[in-house]
Amino acid sequence: MTLLAAAALLTAAGAGCGGGAGTTGPSAAGCPAVLQAAREDVAKAESTDSAWTGPTTGPAAVPGKSIVYVAQTMTNPGVAGVAQGLQRAAKTIGWEVRVIDGEGSPAGIQAALSQAVTLKPSGIVIGGFDPRLTSQQVARARAAGIPLVGWHAVDAPGPSANPPLFTNITTKVQDVARISADWVIARSEGGAGVVLFTDDSIPFARTKADLIERRLADCPGVQLLAYENIPIPDASRRTPQEVSSLLSRFGKRWTHSVAINDLYFADAAPALRAAGKPGGGPPANIGAGDGDPSAFQRINSRQYQAATVPEPLAQQGWQIVDEFNRAFAGRPASGYVAPVHVVTADNSGGATSWDPRGYQEAYERIWRG
């Protein structure tokens, strides 16, 4: 929805929450204030004014460093996208990077982090997993004086004392969850039947899903039909079967979906297509992260995904390098948190990623000193 379209919709609907002709889910019931706030929030988040608001000052490049990126699983497009951004940034600053894939299992992640510590790098990235599940390896890294930077490692952005992270890089989970739910509320005019896909094994994802559920509950006309807990490593195997079952159970009552990661819709698409569901929905699907290229392609072609709340994956890879550089220089973390953004076919411009404009140039200027 464009800003003009959102404004027109708000004007036409006034202060009411009466569902209207476009509502295909349960009847909207008594949420005029929530609906109005949702429309305003979504219109703001869909703005394409994404100029750089991050750091413009900091320490010059500290030479000769090495980073190991320990990935929860490289089949997670968000984790993989950050790794790619990190590799490009490291090349620019002149550092070495190695990626070790934890392959999605606790044992695999523990082994990967053990290997990373053994390599004695200058820094280690906790890429998309809870470091409390690897407490022994984290303690070894700390004893060796190796700083840790997290990406989606804990719920909140910024430094963490327990677990010990120089900083954690993520958008604010509260903002991502709220705008995802608000998109459903606004698009459905306050009346929807929703399926929520998540992975409760990841605390960050579980928190996001809980917040989405709470926000949806603020509008009585929005009904949560099902809470689907599917671990990301199992998504390609389990999601198609679960989607077929959901279609049988709920039929036309299922009008919208929210997933904590876009990849669920890649796996849902074949089942939806086989059931004769149109690519443009219903169900209308929004991913509350991570905004990988395949999600953009589905959105741009209107094939079983209508929107995403993307992480700026490439920018966050560059931010990891910048945060490590601040750690190596004895400086505090930057404190930068990327703004929340919603991408649809109407505002994507045909792109396959979203990052704030000017971030590379800003980091390069900082590192040149």
Protein backbone atom coordinates (compact mmCIF):
# COMPACT_ATOMS: atom_id res chain seq x y z
CA MET A 1 0.00 0.00 0.00
CA THR A 2 1.42 3.38 -0.95
CA LEU A 3 1.26 6.38 1.34
CA LEU A 4 -1.42 7.96 -0.84
CA ALA A 5 -3.45 4.76 -0.86
CA ALA A 6 -3.15 4.43 2.89
CA ALA A 7 -4.28 8.03 3.36
CA ALA A 8 -7.22 7.50 1.04
CA LEU A 9 -8.20 4.33 2.88
CA LEU A 10 -8.02 6.13 6.21
CA THR A 11 -10.20 8.97 4.92
CA ALA A 12 -12.76 6.62 3.43
CA ALA A 13 -13.05 4.48 6.55
CA GLY A 14 -13.17 7.39 8.98
CA ALA A 15 -13.06 6.39 12.60
CA GLY A 16 -15.08 3.21 12.19
CA CYS A 17 -13.97 -0.40 12.28
CA GLY A 18 -16.82 -1.93 10.40
CA GLY A 19 -15.01 -4.38 8.16
CA GLY A 20 -16.27 -3.07 4.83
CA ALA A 21 -16.49 -4.78 1.49
CA GLY A 22 -12.80 -5.69 1.48
CA THR A 23 -12.97 -7.72 4.68
CA THR A 24 -12.82 -11.46 4.07
CA GLY A 25 -12.14 -12.63 7.61
CA PRO A 26 -14.26 -12.46 10.77
CA SER A 27 -16.36 -9.36 11.24
CA ALA A 28 -14.38 -6.42 12.58
CA ALA A 29 -15.56 -5.58 16.09
CA GLY A 30 -14.91 -2.47 18.07
CA CYS A 31 -11.32 -1.52 17.31
CA PRO A 32 -11.50 1.96 15.73
CA ALA A 33 -8.52 3.36 17.61
CA VAL A 34 -6.37 0.28 16.94
CA LEU A 35 -7.32 0.25 13.26
CA GLN A 36 -6.51 3.94 12.82
CA ALA A 37 -3.16 3.56 14.59
CA ALA A 38 -2.34 0.49 12.49
CA ARG A 39 -3.05 2.34 9.24
CA GLU A 40 -0.88 5.27 10.29
CA ASP A 41 1.97 3.02 11.43
CA VAL A 42 1.91 1.01 8.20
CA ALA A 43 1.85 4.13 6.01
CA LYS A 44 4.92 5.46 7.83
CA ALA A 45 6.76 2.13 7.61
CA GLU A 46 6.06 1.80 3.88
CA SER A 47 7.78 5.11 3.17
CA THR A 48 10.80 4.66 0.92
CA ASP A 49 12.74 7.52 2.51
CA SER A 50 15.54 5.32 3.84
CA ALA A 51 18.45 7.75 4.07
CA TRP A 52 21.31 6.78 6.36
CA THR A 53 20.74 7.74 10.00
CA GLY A 54 23.52 5.61 11.44
CA PRO A 55 27.00 6.49 12.67
CA THR A 56 29.18 8.90 10.73
CA THR A 57 32.12 9.03 13.16
CA GLY A 58 34.23 6.38 14.83
CA PRO A 59 37.73 4.88 14.95
CA ALA A 60 39.83 4.38 11.84
CA ALA A 61 40.36 0.81 10.67
CA VAL A 62 42.38 -1.38 13.02
CA PRO A 63 44.51 -3.49 10.64
CA GLY A 64 45.19 -7.21 10.49
CA LYS A 65 42.10 -8.63 12.17
CA SER A 66 40.26 -11.90 11.59
CA ILE A 67 36.59 -12.72 12.21
CA VAL A 68 34.77 -16.04 12.43
CA TYR A 69 31.06 -16.00 11.69
CA VAL A 70 29.30 -18.90 13.41
CA ALA A 71 25.97 -19.39 11.63
CA GLN A 72 22.91 -20.98 13.22
CA THR A 73 22.28 -22.47 9.78
CA MET A 74 23.19 -21.15 6.37
CA THR A 75 19.84 -22.42 5.09
CA ASN A 76 18.31 -19.47 6.97
CA PRO A 77 18.36 -16.71 4.30
CA GLY A 78 18.74 -13.98 6.91
CA VAL A 79 21.78 -15.62 8.48
CA ALA A 80 23.28 -16.18 5.03
CA GLY A 81 22.54 -12.62 3.89
CA VAL A 82 24.34 -11.12 6.87
CA ALA A 83 27.30 -13.40 6.21
CA GLN A 84 27.54 -12.06 2.66
CA GLY A 85 27.43 -8.47 3.85
CA LEU A 86 30.07 -9.23 6.47
CA GLN A 87 32.37 -10.76 3.86
CA ARG A 88 32.10 -7.69 1.61
CA ALA A 89 32.72 -5.32 4.51
CA ALA A 90 35.70 -7.32 5.75
CA LYS A 91 37.24 -7.18 2.28
CA THR A 92 36.80 -3.42 2.29
CA ILE A 93 38.46 -2.93 5.69
CA GLY A 94 41.16 -5.52 4.95
CA TRP A 95 40.25 -8.30 7.38
CA GLU A 96 39.90 -12.06 7.00
CA VAL A 97 36.54 -13.81 7.50
CA ARG A 98 35.67 -17.46 7.92
CA VAL A 99 32.11 -18.81 8.06
CA ILE A 100 31.33 -21.98 10.06
CA ASP A 101 27.85 -23.47 9.63
CA GLY A 102 26.18 -24.83 12.77
CA GLU A 103 23.64 -26.60 10.52
CA GLY A 104 20.69 -25.79 12.77
CA SER A 105 21.17 -28.33 15.58
CA PRO A 106 22.38 -27.60 19.15
CA ALA A 107 25.22 -30.08 18.76
CA GLY A 108 26.22 -28.61 15.41
CA ILE A 109 26.19 -25.05 16.74
CA GLN A 110 28.21 -26.02 19.81
CA ALA A 111 30.77 -27.77 17.62
CA ALA A 112 30.96 -24.80 15.26
CA LEU A 113 31.54 -22.35 18.11
CA SER A 114 34.15 -24.67 19.65
CA GLN A 115 35.96 -24.70 16.32
CA ALA A 116 35.75 -20.92 16.11
CA VAL A 117 37.33 -20.47 19.56
CA THR A 118 40.08 -22.94 18.69
CA LEU A 119 40.99 -20.84 15.64
CA LYS A 120 41.79 -17.90 17.99
CA PRO A 121 40.34 -15.17 15.77
CA SER A 122 40.20 -11.50 16.69
CA GLY A 123 36.41 -11.73 17.05
CA ILE A 124 33.50 -14.16 16.74
CA VAL A 125 29.98 -13.48 15.46
CA ILE A 126 27.06 -15.26 17.12
CA GLY A 127 24.97 -15.58 13.97
CA GLY A 128 21.30 -16.11 14.76
CA PHE A 129 21.37 -18.44 17.77
CA ASP A 130 21.04 -18.10 21.53
CA PRO A 131 24.55 -17.97 23.05
CA ARG A 132 23.15 -19.35 26.30
CA LEU A 133 22.86 -22.70 24.49
CA THR A 134 26.64 -22.61 24.03
CA SER A 135 27.62 -21.34 27.49
CA GLN A 136 30.78 -23.43 27.72
CA GLN A 137 32.08 -22.23 24.37
CA VAL A 138 31.15 -18.62 25.19
CA ALA A 139 33.07 -18.92 28.46
CA ARG A 140 36.10 -20.20 26.57
CA ALA A 141 35.93 -17.28 24.16
CA ARG A 142 35.67 -14.83 27.05
CA ALA A 143 38.63 -16.43 28.82
CA ALA A 144 40.64 -16.11 25.63
CA GLY A 145 39.76 -12.42 25.36
CA ILE A 146 37.84 -12.86 22.10
CA PRO A 147 35.01 -10.31 21.78
CA LEU A 148 31.62 -11.55 20.64
CA VAL A 149 29.16 -9.64 18.47
CA GLY A 150 25.67 -11.07 18.08
CA TRP A 151 23.23 -10.93 15.21
CA HIS A 152 19.72 -11.83 16.43
CA ALA A 153 21.46 -13.51 19.36
CA VAL A 154 19.31 -11.96 22.10
CA ASP A 155 16.01 -10.10 22.10
CA ALA A 156 17.30 -6.53 22.29
CA PRO A 157 19.85 -4.55 20.29
CA GLY A 158 22.97 -3.23 21.97
CA PRO A 159 25.53 -4.53 24.48
CA SER A 160 24.70 -7.51 26.68
CA ALA A 161 26.31 -8.44 30.00
CA ASN A 162 24.75 -11.90 30.23
CA PRO A 163 25.41 -13.43 27.76
CA PRO A 164 28.56 -11.35 27.24
CA LEU A 165 28.21 -9.60 23.88
CA PHE A 166 30.03 -6.43 22.88
CA THR A 167 26.77 -5.67 21.11
CA ASN A 168 23.82 -7.43 19.49
CA ILE A 169 22.66 -6.28 16.06
CA THR A 170 19.00 -6.45 15.20
CA THR A 171 16.03 -4.26 14.55
CA LYS A 172 13.84 -3.86 17.62
CA VAL A 173 11.74 -6.99 17.89
CA GLN A 174 8.91 -4.98 19.42
CA ASP A 175 8.76 -2.71 16.36
CA VAL A 176 8.94 -5.58 13.87
CA ALA A 177 6.24 -7.55 15.66
CA ARG A 178 3.93 -4.57 15.98
CA ILE A 179 4.20 -3.46 12.36
CA SER A 180 3.64 -7.02 11.11
CA ALA A 181 0.47 -7.32 13.14
CA ASP A 182 -0.57 -3.77 12.21
CA TRP A 183 -0.23 -4.64 8.53
CA VAL A 184 -2.73 -7.48 8.99
CA ILE A 185 -5.09 -5.28 10.97
CA ALA A 186 -4.92 -2.45 8.44
CA ARG A 187 -5.11 -4.61 5.32
CA SER A 188 -8.06 -6.61 6.66
CA GLU A 189 -9.88 -3.52 7.95
CA GLY A 190 -9.86 -5.10 11.38
CA GLY A 191 -11.32 -8.48 10.43
CA ALA A 192 -9.03 -11.42 9.70
CA GLY A 193 -8.38 -15.10 10.36
CA VAL A 194 -4.65 -15.45 10.96
CA VAL A 195 -2.11 -18.26 11.04
CA LEU A 196 1.18 -17.48 12.79
CA PHE A 197 4.34 -19.42 11.85
CA THR A 198 7.30 -19.41 14.23
CA ASP A 199 10.21 -21.38 15.67
CA ASP A 200 9.94 -21.55 19.46
CA SER A 201 13.41 -23.07 19.74
CA ILE A 202 14.87 -19.61 19.03
CA PRO A 203 14.14 -17.23 21.93
CA PHE A 204 14.26 -14.20 19.63
CA ALA A 205 11.67 -15.77 17.33
CA ARG A 206 9.48 -16.90 20.21
CA THR A 207 9.46 -13.39 21.65
CA LYS A 208 8.57 -11.95 18.25
CA ALA A 209 5.70 -14.39 17.82
CA ASP A 210 4.36 -13.65 21.30
CA LEU A 211 4.39 -9.92 20.59
CA ILE A 212 2.63 -10.42 17.25
CA GLU A 213 -0.04 -12.49 18.95
CA ARG A 214 -0.60 -9.83 21.62
CA ARG A 215 -0.92 -7.03 19.08
CA LEU A 216 -3.39 -8.98 16.94
CA ALA A 217 -5.47 -9.53 20.07
CA ASP A 218 -5.87 -5.75 20.41
CA CYS A 219 -8.43 -5.94 17.60
CA PRO A 220 -11.29 -8.31 18.52
CA GLY A 221 -12.18 -8.83 14.87
CA VAL A 222 -8.80 -10.44 14.22
CA GLN A 223 -8.81 -14.11 15.21
CA LEU A 224 -5.64 -16.18 15.61
CA LEU A 225 -6.65 -19.48 14.02
CA ALA A 226 -3.40 -21.36 14.61
CA TYR A 227 0.06 -20.95 16.14
CA GLU A 228 2.38 -23.15 14.09
CA ASN A 229 5.68 -23.96 15.80
CA ILE A 230 7.95 -25.30 13.04
CA PRO A 231 11.73 -25.23 13.63
CA ILE A 232 13.46 -23.41 10.78
CA PRO A 233 15.75 -26.37 9.92
CA ASP A 234 12.58 -28.49 9.48
CA ALA A 235 10.57 -25.88 7.58
CA SER A 236 11.08 -27.25 4.08
CA ARG A 237 9.95 -30.71 5.21
CA ARG A 238 7.07 -29.81 7.53
CA THR A 239 5.55 -26.59 6.22
CA PRO A 240 3.87 -27.95 3.05
CA GLN A 241 2.10 -30.68 5.01
CA GLU A 242 1.06 -28.24 7.75
CA VAL A 243 -0.30 -25.78 5.19
CA SER A 244 -2.40 -28.48 3.55
CA SER A 245 -3.78 -29.40 6.96
CA LEU A 246 -4.55 -25.77 7.78
CA LEU A 247 -6.42 -25.33 4.51
CA SER A 248 -8.54 -28.37 5.32
CA ARG A 249 -9.28 -27.14 8.83
CA PHE A 250 -10.00 -23.49 8.18
CA GLY A 251 -10.82 -23.08 4.49
CA LYS A 252 -11.88 -19.51 3.68
CA ARG A 253 -11.58 -18.47 7.33
CA TRP A 254 -7.80 -18.37 6.82
CA THR A 255 -7.30 -14.91 5.29
CA HIS A 256 -3.86 -13.79 6.49
CA SER A 257 -0.57 -15.23 7.70
CA VAL A 258 2.38 -13.85 9.65
CA ALA A 259 5.71 -15.69 9.85
CA ILE A 260 8.74 -14.81 11.93
CA ASN A 261 10.87 -15.54 8.84
CA ASP A 262 10.06 -15.25 5.14
CA LEU A 263 11.31 -18.75 4.38
CA TYR A 264 8.08 -20.29 5.66
CA PHE A 265 6.28 -18.82 2.65
CA ALA A 266 8.80 -20.29 0.24
CA ASP A 267 7.83 -23.66 1.65
CA ALA A 268 4.10 -22.84 1.88
CA ALA A 269 3.80 -21.70 -1.74
CA PRO A 270 3.69 -25.16 -3.38
CA ALA A 271 0.90 -26.33 -1.05
CA LEU A 272 -1.09 -23.14 -1.57
CA ARG A 273 -0.64 -23.43 -5.33
CA ALA A 274 -1.65 -27.10 -5.33
CA ALA A 275 -4.82 -26.18 -3.45
CA GLY A 276 -5.72 -23.67 -6.15
CA LYS A 277 -5.12 -20.62 -4.00
CA PRO A 278 -4.33 -17.44 -5.98
CA GLY A 279 -0.82 -16.03 -5.70
CA GLY A 280 -2.18 -12.71 -4.48
CA GLY A 281 -4.12 -14.36 -1.66
CA PRO A 282 -6.04 -15.07 0.40
CA PRO A 283 -4.26 -15.88 2.54
CA ALA A 284 -2.28 -12.62 2.34
CA ASN A 285 1.13 -13.33 3.84
CA ILE A 286 3.64 -11.07 5.60
CA GLY A 287 7.07 -12.07 6.81
CA ALA A 288 8.25 -10.44 10.04
CA GLY A 289 11.86 -10.83 8.81
CA ASP A 290 14.28 -11.26 7.21
CA GLY A 291 13.69 -9.85 3.73
CA ASP A 292 15.91 -12.13 1.69
CA PRO A 293 15.95 -11.90 -2.15
CA SER A 294 13.55 -14.81 -2.63
CA ALA A 295 10.98 -13.05 -0.43
CA PHE A 296 11.28 -9.91 -2.56
CA GLN A 297 10.81 -12.01 -5.68
CA ARG A 298 7.61 -13.54 -4.30
CA ILE A 299 6.36 -10.12 -3.31
CA ASN A 300 7.23 -8.46 -6.62
CA SER A 301 5.53 -11.23 -8.60
CA ARG A 302 2.59 -11.39 -6.15
CA GLN A 303 3.15 -15.10 -5.59
CA TYR A 304 2.10 -16.22 -2.11
CA GLN A 305 3.72 -13.37 -0.21
CA ALA A 306 2.36 -9.83 -0.03
CA ALA A 307 4.82 -8.10 2.30
CA THR A 308 7.93 -8.40 4.42
CA VAL A 309 9.49 -6.45 7.25
CA PRO A 310 13.08 -6.79 6.06
CA GLU A 311 16.22 -6.63 8.08
CA PRO A 312 18.84 -4.59 6.20
CA LEU A 313 20.95 -7.72 5.93
CA ALA A 314 23.88 -6.29 3.96
CA GLN A 315 24.06 -3.18 6.14
CA GLN A 316 24.02 -5.32 9.26
CA GLY A 317 26.97 -7.31 7.91
CA TRP A 318 28.85 -4.03 7.55
CA GLN A 319 27.73 -2.97 11.00
CA ILE A 320 29.22 -6.13 12.48
CA VAL A 321 32.62 -5.13 11.10
CA ASP A 322 32.21 -1.57 12.36
CA GLU A 323 31.23 -2.76 15.83
CA PHE A 324 34.24 -5.08 16.02
CA ASN A 325 36.46 -2.22 14.89
CA ARG A 326 35.13 -0.12 17.76
CA ALA A 327 35.80 -2.99 20.17
CA PHE A 328 39.37 -3.42 18.90
CA ALA A 329 39.96 0.34 19.26
CA GLY A 330 38.66 0.34 22.83
CA ARG A 331 35.57 2.35 21.92
CA PRO A 332 31.93 1.66 22.89
CA ALA A 333 29.38 0.16 20.52
CA SER A 334 27.74 2.52 18.04
CA GLY A 335 24.20 2.07 19.37
CA TYR A 336 22.73 2.13 15.87
CA VAL A 337 19.44 0.29 15.30
CA ALA A 338 17.98 0.16 11.79
CA PRO A 339 14.46 1.59 11.40
CA VAL A 340 11.49 -0.69 10.78
CA HIS A 341 10.34 -0.85 7.16
CA VAL A 342 7.57 -2.66 5.25
CA VAL A 343 8.10 -3.77 1.65
CA THR A 344 5.25 -4.55 -0.77
CA ALA A 345 5.02 -4.82 -4.54
CA ASP A 346 3.87 -1.20 -4.56
CA ASN A 347 6.97 0.27 -2.94
CA SER A 348 9.79 -2.20 -3.67
CA GLY A 349 10.68 -0.69 -7.03
CA GLY A 350 11.46 -4.21 -8.22
CA ALA A 351 14.40 -4.50 -5.81
CA THR A 352 15.43 -7.77 -4.16
CA SER A 353 16.76 -6.31 -0.91
CA TRP A 354 16.39 -3.31 1.36
CA ASP A 355 19.16 -1.35 3.02
CA PRO A 356 19.37 2.28 4.11
CA ARG A 357 20.92 4.47 1.45
CA GLY A 358 24.52 5.54 1.96
CA TYR A 359 25.61 3.05 4.61
CA GLN A 360 28.64 1.72 2.73
CA GLU A 361 29.97 5.19 2.04
CA ALA A 362 29.43 6.16 5.70
CA TYR A 363 31.35 3.18 7.03
CA GLU A 364 34.15 3.59 4.49
CA ARG A 365 34.61 7.24 5.54
CA ILE A 366 34.79 6.20 9.19
CA TRP A 367 37.34 3.48 8.55
CA ARG A 368 39.56 5.76 6.43
CA GLY A 369 39.92 8.00 9.47
